[in-house]
Amino acid sequence: MEKKNPKAGDKLWEVRIEEEEDSYRFYLVSSQKPLVIVETPLGKFRRMFSLFNESYPPLQLPVFYVSPRQKATVEQTQKMHGFNLQQLTPRHIILWIDNPQKKFLYEITFFSKKIKSFFKKEYILAFNKKEAVEYSSRFRPTYQVKVKKAKKMDCYPIVSITEDRIVLNRAV
């Protein structure tokens, strides 16, 4: 049987990383506010080298490394990709949706044509892939677009999609 209360202080956080006029949103559950560190290319090289050195203890809080040309913000939220947070449990993230027609969840990935390493994701409910592709077609002048049926939202696998909720698995 599942407990109804999440681990002490668990919250849903939105990390927004902006570069030029594009922004990428990433969501995670943590009891501590994620840390954003701006680093230079030399700092990135040093950090990558230190991953192979066992003398450094691993950090316990979520950390995001960004380049100096990127702007990053972290804030607590009650929405994940536009879907309202209904409940956090130790094993699941439950999002409220209005889906009486039992549509499927599709993931649309946008690859920026200007900034080669930059992409963002959006999730929509649609009857089929054709409907999701029609929705994404308005973004084609600015982005390369890839549409597929969603198996995860960010790093959380989808357990079920019903008429009123999306259940994501936290225990990975």
N, C-alpha and C. Protein backbone atom coordinates (compact mmCIF):
# COMPACT_ATOMS: atom_id res chain seq x y z
N MET A 1 0.84 -1.19 0.00
CA MET A 1 0.00 0.00 0.00
C MET A 1 0.89 1.25 0.00
N GLU A 2 0.49 2.24 -0.74
CA GLU A 2 1.29 3.45 -0.94
C GLU A 2 0.94 4.52 0.08
N LYS A 3 1.96 5.18 0.61
CA LYS A 3 1.73 6.29 1.53
C LYS A 3 1.21 7.48 0.76
N LYS A 4 0.39 8.30 1.40
CA LYS A 4 -0.19 9.45 0.71
C LYS A 4 0.70 10.68 0.78
N ASN A 5 1.55 10.79 1.80
CA ASN A 5 2.41 11.97 1.93
C ASN A 5 3.76 11.70 1.29
N PRO A 6 4.28 12.67 0.53
CA PRO A 6 5.61 12.49 -0.04
C PRO A 6 6.67 12.57 1.04
N LYS A 7 7.91 12.27 0.64
CA LYS A 7 9.02 12.42 1.58
C LYS A 7 9.01 13.85 2.10
N ALA A 8 9.52 14.03 3.28
CA ALA A 8 9.47 15.34 3.94
C ALA A 8 9.98 16.45 3.03
N GLY A 9 9.11 17.37 2.72
CA GLY A 9 9.51 18.56 1.98
C GLY A 9 9.68 18.40 0.48
N ASP A 10 9.31 17.28 -0.12
CA ASP A 10 9.46 17.13 -1.57
C ASP A 10 8.58 18.14 -2.29
N LYS A 11 9.17 18.78 -3.31
CA LYS A 11 8.46 19.79 -4.09
C LYS A 11 8.76 19.58 -5.56
N LEU A 12 7.89 20.12 -6.41
CA LEU A 12 8.12 20.09 -7.85
C LEU A 12 8.81 21.39 -8.24
N TRP A 13 9.94 21.28 -8.94
CA TRP A 13 10.73 22.44 -9.34
C TRP A 13 10.78 22.55 -10.85
N GLU A 14 10.72 23.78 -11.34
CA GLU A 14 10.90 24.04 -12.77
C GLU A 14 12.24 24.74 -12.96
N VAL A 15 13.09 24.15 -13.80
CA VAL A 15 14.37 24.76 -14.15
C VAL A 15 14.20 25.27 -15.58
N ARG A 16 14.37 26.57 -15.76
CA ARG A 16 14.23 27.18 -17.09
C ARG A 16 15.60 27.70 -17.51
N ILE A 17 16.06 27.21 -18.66
CA ILE A 17 17.34 27.65 -19.21
C ILE A 17 17.05 28.38 -20.51
N GLU A 18 17.51 29.63 -20.60
CA GLU A 18 17.25 30.47 -21.77
C GLU A 18 18.55 30.79 -22.49
N GLU A 19 18.47 30.75 -23.81
CA GLU A 19 19.60 31.14 -24.65
C GLU A 19 19.03 31.85 -25.86
N GLU A 20 19.49 33.07 -26.10
CA GLU A 20 18.92 33.96 -27.11
C GLU A 20 17.43 34.08 -26.82
N GLU A 21 16.54 33.78 -27.79
CA GLU A 21 15.11 33.90 -27.48
C GLU A 21 14.45 32.55 -27.22
N ASP A 22 15.23 31.47 -27.16
CA ASP A 22 14.70 30.14 -26.86
C ASP A 22 14.84 29.83 -25.38
N SER A 23 13.91 29.01 -24.88
CA SER A 23 14.02 28.57 -23.49
C SER A 23 13.65 27.10 -23.40
N TYR A 24 14.30 26.40 -22.48
CA TYR A 24 14.08 24.99 -22.23
C TYR A 24 13.63 24.84 -20.78
N ARG A 25 12.55 24.08 -20.57
CA ARG A 25 12.04 23.84 -19.22
C ARG A 25 12.27 22.39 -18.84
N PHE A 26 12.73 22.18 -17.64
CA PHE A 26 12.95 20.84 -17.13
C PHE A 26 12.33 20.78 -15.74
N TYR A 27 11.65 19.69 -15.41
CA TYR A 27 10.97 19.56 -14.12
C TYR A 27 11.58 18.41 -13.33
N LEU A 28 11.70 18.61 -12.01
CA LEU A 28 12.17 17.55 -11.16
C LEU A 28 11.58 17.70 -9.76
N VAL A 29 11.56 16.59 -9.03
CA VAL A 29 11.05 16.57 -7.66
C VAL A 29 12.25 16.45 -6.73
N SER A 30 12.32 17.36 -5.77
CA SER A 30 13.42 17.36 -4.82
C SER A 30 12.98 18.09 -3.55
N SER A 31 13.57 17.72 -2.44
CA SER A 31 13.28 18.44 -1.20
C SER A 31 14.08 19.73 -1.11
N GLN A 32 15.17 19.82 -1.89
CA GLN A 32 16.01 21.02 -1.90
C GLN A 32 15.92 21.72 -3.24
N LYS A 33 16.06 23.03 -3.22
CA LYS A 33 16.03 23.81 -4.45
C LYS A 33 17.26 23.45 -5.29
N PRO A 34 17.07 23.11 -6.57
CA PRO A 34 18.21 22.80 -7.43
C PRO A 34 19.16 23.99 -7.54
N LEU A 35 20.42 23.69 -7.69
CA LEU A 35 21.47 24.70 -7.77
C LEU A 35 21.88 24.88 -9.23
N VAL A 36 22.05 26.13 -9.66
CA VAL A 36 22.50 26.42 -11.02
C VAL A 36 23.90 27.02 -10.93
N ILE A 37 24.84 26.43 -11.66
CA ILE A 37 26.22 26.89 -11.65
C ILE A 37 26.62 27.31 -13.06
N VAL A 38 27.08 28.54 -13.20
CA VAL A 38 27.58 29.04 -14.48
C VAL A 38 29.05 28.66 -14.55
N GLU A 39 29.44 28.00 -15.65
CA GLU A 39 30.83 27.57 -15.75
C GLU A 39 31.41 27.89 -17.12
N THR A 40 32.71 28.07 -17.14
CA THR A 40 33.45 28.34 -18.38
C THR A 40 33.82 27.01 -19.03
N PRO A 41 34.27 27.01 -20.28
CA PRO A 41 34.71 25.75 -20.90
C PRO A 41 35.81 25.05 -20.10
N LEU A 42 36.73 25.82 -19.50
CA LEU A 42 37.78 25.22 -18.68
C LEU A 42 37.17 24.57 -17.43
N GLY A 43 36.18 25.22 -16.83
CA GLY A 43 35.50 24.65 -15.68
C GLY A 43 34.78 23.36 -16.03
N LYS A 44 34.17 23.31 -17.21
CA LYS A 44 33.49 22.09 -17.67
C LYS A 44 34.50 20.96 -17.83
N PHE A 45 35.66 21.27 -18.41
CA PHE A 45 36.71 20.26 -18.59
C PHE A 45 37.18 19.75 -17.22
N ARG A 46 37.38 20.66 -16.28
CA ARG A 46 37.83 20.29 -14.93
C ARG A 46 36.79 19.40 -14.25
N ARG A 47 35.51 19.75 -14.39
CA ARG A 47 34.44 18.96 -13.77
C ARG A 47 34.37 17.57 -14.39
N MET A 48 34.47 17.49 -15.71
CA MET A 48 34.42 16.18 -16.37
C MET A 48 35.59 15.31 -15.92
N PHE A 49 36.77 15.91 -15.75
CA PHE A 49 37.93 15.16 -15.28
C PHE A 49 37.71 14.68 -13.86
N SER A 50 37.09 15.51 -13.02
CA SER A 50 36.89 15.14 -11.61
C SER A 50 35.87 14.02 -11.45
N LEU A 51 35.03 13.77 -12.46
CA LEU A 51 34.07 12.67 -12.37
C LEU A 51 34.79 11.32 -12.30
N PHE A 52 35.98 11.26 -12.88
CA PHE A 52 36.74 10.01 -12.88
C PHE A 52 37.66 9.90 -11.66
N ASN A 53 37.73 10.95 -10.87
CA ASN A 53 38.57 10.97 -9.68
C ASN A 53 37.68 10.68 -8.47
N GLU A 54 37.93 9.61 -7.77
CA GLU A 54 37.05 9.19 -6.67
C GLU A 54 37.24 10.00 -5.39
N SER A 55 38.20 10.91 -5.35
CA SER A 55 38.43 11.67 -4.12
C SER A 55 37.36 12.74 -3.89
N TYR A 56 36.58 13.09 -4.93
CA TYR A 56 35.52 14.09 -4.78
C TYR A 56 34.22 13.41 -4.37
N PRO A 57 33.61 13.83 -3.27
CA PRO A 57 32.32 13.23 -2.89
C PRO A 57 31.22 13.73 -3.83
N PRO A 58 30.25 12.88 -4.18
CA PRO A 58 29.17 13.33 -5.06
C PRO A 58 28.25 14.32 -4.34
N LEU A 59 27.72 15.29 -5.08
CA LEU A 59 26.79 16.25 -4.52
C LEU A 59 25.44 15.58 -4.30
N GLN A 60 24.76 15.94 -3.21
CA GLN A 60 23.49 15.32 -2.88
C GLN A 60 22.29 16.11 -3.41
N LEU A 61 22.49 17.38 -3.75
CA LEU A 61 21.37 18.15 -4.25
C LEU A 61 21.46 18.25 -5.78
N PRO A 62 20.33 18.48 -6.45
CA PRO A 62 20.36 18.58 -7.91
C PRO A 62 21.15 19.80 -8.37
N VAL A 63 22.05 19.60 -9.33
CA VAL A 63 22.89 20.68 -9.84
C VAL A 63 22.77 20.74 -11.35
N PHE A 64 22.62 21.96 -11.88
CA PHE A 64 22.59 22.19 -13.33
C PHE A 64 23.74 23.12 -13.68
N TYR A 65 24.54 22.71 -14.65
CA TYR A 65 25.65 23.53 -15.12
C TYR A 65 25.24 24.20 -16.42
N VAL A 66 25.43 25.52 -16.50
CA VAL A 66 25.07 26.27 -17.71
C VAL A 66 26.27 27.08 -18.16
N SER A 67 26.27 27.43 -19.44
CA SER A 67 27.35 28.24 -19.98
C SER A 67 27.09 29.72 -19.65
N PRO A 68 28.11 30.57 -19.75
CA PRO A 68 27.92 31.99 -19.42
C PRO A 68 26.89 32.70 -20.32
N ARG A 69 26.66 32.21 -21.52
CA ARG A 69 25.70 32.87 -22.41
C ARG A 69 24.25 32.44 -22.14
N GLN A 70 24.06 31.48 -21.24
CA GLN A 70 22.72 31.02 -20.89
C GLN A 70 22.26 31.66 -19.58
N LYS A 71 20.96 31.89 -19.49
CA LYS A 71 20.36 32.42 -18.27
C LYS A 71 19.47 31.31 -17.70
N ALA A 72 19.63 31.02 -16.43
CA ALA A 72 18.86 29.94 -15.82
C ALA A 72 18.13 30.44 -14.58
N THR A 73 16.89 29.97 -14.42
CA THR A 73 16.10 30.28 -13.24
C THR A 73 15.50 28.99 -12.69
N VAL A 74 15.31 28.95 -11.39
CA VAL A 74 14.70 27.80 -10.72
C VAL A 74 13.58 28.32 -9.84
N GLU A 75 12.40 27.72 -9.99
CA GLU A 75 11.30 28.12 -9.11
C GLU A 75 10.39 26.93 -8.84
N GLN A 76 9.76 26.98 -7.67
CA GLN A 76 8.80 25.94 -7.31
C GLN A 76 7.55 26.15 -8.14
N THR A 77 6.91 25.06 -8.56
CA THR A 77 5.74 25.16 -9.42
C THR A 77 4.69 24.14 -9.05
N GLN A 78 3.48 24.36 -9.53
CA GLN A 78 2.37 23.42 -9.35
C GLN A 78 1.92 22.86 -10.70
N LYS A 79 2.68 23.14 -11.75
CA LYS A 79 2.37 22.63 -13.09
C LYS A 79 3.60 21.98 -13.69
N MET A 80 3.38 20.93 -14.47
CA MET A 80 4.46 20.25 -15.17
C MET A 80 4.07 20.17 -16.63
N HIS A 81 4.76 20.91 -17.47
CA HIS A 81 4.46 20.98 -18.91
C HIS A 81 3.00 21.35 -19.16
N GLY A 82 2.46 22.23 -18.34
CA GLY A 82 1.09 22.71 -18.52
C GLY A 82 0.03 21.89 -17.82
N PHE A 83 0.39 20.76 -17.24
CA PHE A 83 -0.57 19.91 -16.53
C PHE A 83 -0.46 20.19 -15.03
N ASN A 84 -1.60 20.35 -14.35
CA ASN A 84 -1.62 20.69 -12.92
C ASN A 84 -1.17 19.52 -12.06
N LEU A 85 -0.35 19.82 -11.06
CA LEU A 85 0.09 18.81 -10.11
C LEU A 85 -1.06 18.48 -9.18
N GLN A 86 -1.43 17.21 -9.10
CA GLN A 86 -2.50 16.78 -8.21
C GLN A 86 -1.92 16.27 -6.90
N GLN A 87 -0.85 15.45 -7.00
CA GLN A 87 -0.31 14.85 -5.78
C GLN A 87 1.11 14.35 -6.03
N LEU A 88 1.95 14.46 -5.00
CA LEU A 88 3.28 13.84 -5.00
C LEU A 88 3.25 12.73 -3.96
N THR A 89 3.65 11.53 -4.34
CA THR A 89 3.78 10.44 -3.39
C THR A 89 5.24 9.98 -3.44
N PRO A 90 5.66 9.14 -2.52
CA PRO A 90 7.06 8.67 -2.58
C PRO A 90 7.39 7.93 -3.88
N ARG A 91 6.39 7.36 -4.53
CA ARG A 91 6.64 6.59 -5.76
C ARG A 91 6.14 7.25 -7.03
N HIS A 92 5.18 8.19 -6.93
CA HIS A 92 4.55 8.73 -8.13
C HIS A 92 4.39 10.25 -8.10
N ILE A 93 4.32 10.80 -9.31
CA ILE A 93 3.89 12.18 -9.53
C ILE A 93 2.55 12.05 -10.24
N ILE A 94 1.50 12.64 -9.70
CA ILE A 94 0.17 12.53 -10.30
C ILE A 94 -0.24 13.91 -10.79
N LEU A 95 -0.51 13.99 -12.10
CA LEU A 95 -0.91 15.24 -12.74
C LEU A 95 -2.38 15.16 -13.11
N TRP A 96 -3.11 16.25 -12.90
CA TRP A 96 -4.53 16.29 -13.24
C TRP A 96 -4.69 16.71 -14.69
N ILE A 97 -5.55 15.99 -15.43
CA ILE A 97 -5.87 16.35 -16.82
C ILE A 97 -7.36 16.21 -17.04
N ASP A 98 -7.85 16.84 -18.08
CA ASP A 98 -9.24 16.69 -18.52
C ASP A 98 -9.19 15.96 -19.85
N ASN A 99 -9.39 14.63 -19.80
CA ASN A 99 -9.23 13.79 -20.98
C ASN A 99 -10.40 12.81 -21.12
N PRO A 100 -11.65 13.31 -21.23
CA PRO A 100 -12.79 12.40 -21.31
C PRO A 100 -12.80 11.56 -22.59
N GLN A 101 -12.11 12.03 -23.63
CA GLN A 101 -12.09 11.30 -24.90
C GLN A 101 -10.95 10.28 -24.96
N LYS A 102 -10.19 10.16 -23.89
CA LYS A 102 -9.09 9.20 -23.77
C LYS A 102 -8.07 9.35 -24.90
N LYS A 103 -7.57 10.57 -25.05
CA LYS A 103 -6.53 10.84 -26.04
C LYS A 103 -5.20 10.30 -25.53
N PHE A 104 -4.24 10.19 -26.45
CA PHE A 104 -2.90 9.74 -26.11
C PHE A 104 -1.99 10.94 -25.87
N LEU A 105 -0.94 10.75 -25.11
CA LEU A 105 0.02 11.81 -24.84
C LEU A 105 1.17 11.71 -25.85
N TYR A 106 1.44 12.82 -26.54
CA TYR A 106 2.52 12.87 -27.52
C TYR A 106 3.59 13.86 -27.07
N GLU A 107 4.83 13.49 -27.35
CA GLU A 107 5.98 14.34 -27.04
C GLU A 107 6.45 14.99 -28.34
N ILE A 108 6.52 16.31 -28.34
CA ILE A 108 7.02 17.04 -29.50
C ILE A 108 8.36 17.64 -29.10
N THR A 109 9.41 17.27 -29.83
CA THR A 109 10.75 17.79 -29.57
C THR A 109 11.07 18.82 -30.64
N PHE A 110 11.47 20.00 -30.19
CA PHE A 110 11.83 21.10 -31.09
C PHE A 110 13.34 21.28 -31.05
N PHE A 111 13.99 21.14 -32.21
CA PHE A 111 15.42 21.37 -32.32
C PHE A 111 15.62 22.73 -32.97
N SER A 112 16.35 23.60 -32.30
CA SER A 112 16.57 24.96 -32.80
C SER A 112 17.46 24.94 -34.04
N LYS A 113 17.07 25.71 -35.07
CA LYS A 113 17.88 25.82 -36.27
C LYS A 113 19.02 26.81 -36.07
N LYS A 114 18.85 27.76 -35.12
CA LYS A 114 19.88 28.77 -34.86
C LYS A 114 20.96 28.24 -33.92
N ILE A 115 20.54 27.63 -32.83
CA ILE A 115 21.47 27.16 -31.80
C ILE A 115 21.51 25.63 -31.90
N LYS A 116 22.55 25.09 -32.45
CA LYS A 116 22.59 23.66 -32.81
C LYS A 116 22.41 22.71 -31.63
N SER A 117 22.91 23.06 -30.46
CA SER A 117 22.83 22.14 -29.33
C SER A 117 21.58 22.37 -28.48
N PHE A 118 20.66 23.20 -28.94
CA PHE A 118 19.52 23.59 -28.11
C PHE A 118 18.24 22.90 -28.59
N PHE A 119 17.48 22.34 -27.66
CA PHE A 119 16.19 21.74 -27.99
C PHE A 119 15.24 21.94 -26.81
N LYS A 120 13.95 21.79 -27.08
CA LYS A 120 12.96 21.84 -26.01
C LYS A 120 11.85 20.84 -26.33
N LYS A 121 11.06 20.51 -25.31
CA LYS A 121 10.00 19.52 -25.48
C LYS A 121 8.68 20.10 -25.03
N GLU A 122 7.63 19.62 -25.68
CA GLU A 122 6.27 20.00 -25.30
C GLU A 122 5.44 18.72 -25.36
N TYR A 123 4.45 18.62 -24.49
CA TYR A 123 3.59 17.44 -24.42
C TYR A 123 2.15 17.86 -24.69
N ILE A 124 1.48 17.13 -25.59
CA ILE A 124 0.08 17.44 -25.89
C ILE A 124 -0.74 16.15 -25.92
N LEU A 125 -2.04 16.30 -25.70
CA LEU A 125 -2.97 15.18 -25.82
C LEU A 125 -3.56 15.22 -27.22
N ALA A 126 -3.53 14.08 -27.91
CA ALA A 126 -4.06 14.00 -29.27
C ALA A 126 -4.57 12.58 -29.52
N PHE A 127 -5.52 12.46 -30.47
CA PHE A 127 -6.07 11.14 -30.81
C PHE A 127 -5.04 10.27 -31.52
N ASN A 128 -4.23 10.89 -32.38
CA ASN A 128 -3.25 10.12 -33.13
C ASN A 128 -2.05 11.01 -33.48
N LYS A 129 -1.06 10.40 -34.08
CA LYS A 129 0.17 11.13 -34.41
C LYS A 129 -0.11 12.22 -35.44
N LYS A 130 -1.04 11.98 -36.34
CA LYS A 130 -1.37 12.96 -37.38
C LYS A 130 -1.85 14.27 -36.74
N GLU A 131 -2.70 14.17 -35.73
CA GLU A 131 -3.20 15.37 -35.03
C GLU A 131 -2.05 16.10 -34.32
N ALA A 132 -1.14 15.35 -33.73
CA ALA A 132 0.02 15.97 -33.05
C ALA A 132 0.95 16.64 -34.06
N VAL A 133 1.12 16.03 -35.23
CA VAL A 133 1.97 16.61 -36.28
C VAL A 133 1.34 17.90 -36.80
N GLU A 134 0.01 17.92 -36.96
CA GLU A 134 -0.68 19.14 -37.40
C GLU A 134 -0.45 20.28 -36.41
N TYR A 135 -0.51 19.97 -35.12
CA TYR A 135 -0.27 20.98 -34.09
C TYR A 135 1.17 21.52 -34.20
N SER A 136 2.11 20.63 -34.42
CA SER A 136 3.53 21.03 -34.44
C SER A 136 3.94 21.72 -35.74
N SER A 137 3.12 21.65 -36.78
CA SER A 137 3.50 22.20 -38.08
C SER A 137 3.70 23.72 -38.05
N ARG A 138 3.04 24.41 -37.14
CA ARG A 138 3.20 25.87 -37.08
C ARG A 138 4.58 26.28 -36.56
N PHE A 139 5.33 25.35 -35.97
CA PHE A 139 6.66 25.66 -35.45
C PHE A 139 7.77 25.33 -36.45
N ARG A 140 7.43 24.71 -37.57
CA ARG A 140 8.44 24.24 -38.52
C ARG A 140 9.33 25.33 -39.12
N PRO A 141 8.88 26.56 -39.33
CA PRO A 141 9.81 27.56 -39.88
C PRO A 141 11.00 27.85 -38.95
N THR A 142 10.79 27.74 -37.64
CA THR A 142 11.84 28.07 -36.68
C THR A 142 12.59 26.85 -36.17
N TYR A 143 11.91 25.70 -36.12
CA TYR A 143 12.49 24.50 -35.51
C TYR A 143 12.41 23.30 -36.44
N GLN A 144 13.31 22.35 -36.21
CA GLN A 144 13.12 21.01 -36.75
C GLN A 144 12.29 20.28 -35.70
N VAL A 145 11.26 19.56 -36.12
CA VAL A 145 10.30 19.00 -35.18
C VAL A 145 10.28 17.48 -35.28
N LYS A 146 10.22 16.82 -34.11
CA LYS A 146 10.09 15.37 -34.05
C LYS A 146 8.90 15.06 -33.14
N VAL A 147 7.97 14.22 -33.60
CA VAL A 147 6.77 13.87 -32.84
C VAL A 147 6.77 12.37 -32.58
N LYS A 148 6.52 11.99 -31.32
CA LYS A 148 6.39 10.57 -30.99
C LYS A 148 5.48 10.41 -29.78
N LYS A 149 4.96 9.21 -29.61
CA LYS A 149 4.12 8.91 -28.45
C LYS A 149 5.01 8.96 -27.20
N ALA A 150 4.54 9.64 -26.18
CA ALA A 150 5.36 9.84 -24.97
C ALA A 150 5.42 8.58 -24.12
N LYS A 151 6.63 8.23 -23.72
CA LYS A 151 6.85 7.14 -22.78
C LYS A 151 7.33 7.68 -21.44
N LYS A 152 7.88 8.92 -21.48
CA LYS A 152 8.38 9.60 -20.28
C LYS A 152 8.02 11.07 -20.37
N MET A 153 7.95 11.72 -19.22
CA MET A 153 7.90 13.18 -19.14
C MET A 153 9.16 13.57 -18.39
N ASP A 154 10.04 14.27 -19.08
CA ASP A 154 11.38 14.54 -18.58
C ASP A 154 12.03 13.20 -18.25
N CYS A 155 12.42 12.94 -17.04
CA CYS A 155 13.08 11.67 -16.74
C CYS A 155 12.15 10.67 -16.04
N TYR A 156 10.86 10.99 -15.95
CA TYR A 156 9.92 10.16 -15.21
C TYR A 156 9.07 9.31 -16.16
N PRO A 157 9.18 7.96 -16.08
CA PRO A 157 8.37 7.09 -16.94
C PRO A 157 6.87 7.25 -16.66
N ILE A 158 6.07 7.16 -17.72
CA ILE A 158 4.62 7.26 -17.60
C ILE A 158 4.07 5.89 -17.21
N VAL A 159 3.33 5.85 -16.10
CA VAL A 159 2.72 4.61 -15.63
C VAL A 159 1.36 4.44 -16.28
N SER A 160 0.53 5.51 -16.27
CA SER A 160 -0.80 5.41 -16.87
C SER A 160 -1.33 6.79 -17.22
N ILE A 161 -2.25 6.79 -18.20
CA ILE A 161 -2.98 7.99 -18.59
C ILE A 161 -4.45 7.61 -18.59
N THR A 162 -5.24 8.30 -17.76
CA THR A 162 -6.67 8.01 -17.68
C THR A 162 -7.45 9.27 -18.06
N GLU A 163 -8.75 9.25 -17.77
CA GLU A 163 -9.60 10.41 -18.09
C GLU A 163 -9.24 11.64 -17.27
N ASP A 164 -8.70 11.43 -16.06
CA ASP A 164 -8.47 12.59 -15.20
C ASP A 164 -7.05 12.71 -14.64
N ARG A 165 -6.14 11.83 -15.03
CA ARG A 165 -4.79 11.93 -14.47
C ARG A 165 -3.72 11.27 -15.34
N ILE A 166 -2.52 11.79 -15.16
CA ILE A 166 -1.32 11.17 -15.71
C ILE A 166 -0.49 10.78 -14.50
N VAL A 167 -0.09 9.52 -14.43
CA VAL A 167 0.71 9.03 -13.31
C VAL A 167 2.12 8.76 -13.82
N LEU A 168 3.10 9.42 -13.18
CA LEU A 168 4.51 9.25 -13.53
C LEU A 168 5.22 8.52 -12.40
N ASN A 169 6.16 7.66 -12.75
CA ASN A 169 6.90 6.89 -11.76
C ASN A 169 8.14 7.66 -11.29
N ARG A 170 8.26 7.90 -9.99
CA ARG A 170 9.43 8.56 -9.42
C ARG A 170 10.51 7.57 -9.05
N ALA A 171 10.13 6.38 -8.64
CA ALA A 171 11.07 5.38 -8.13
C ALA A 171 11.76 4.68 -9.30
N VAL A 172 12.86 5.25 -9.73
CA VAL A 172 13.58 4.67 -10.87
C VAL A 172 14.80 3.96 -10.36
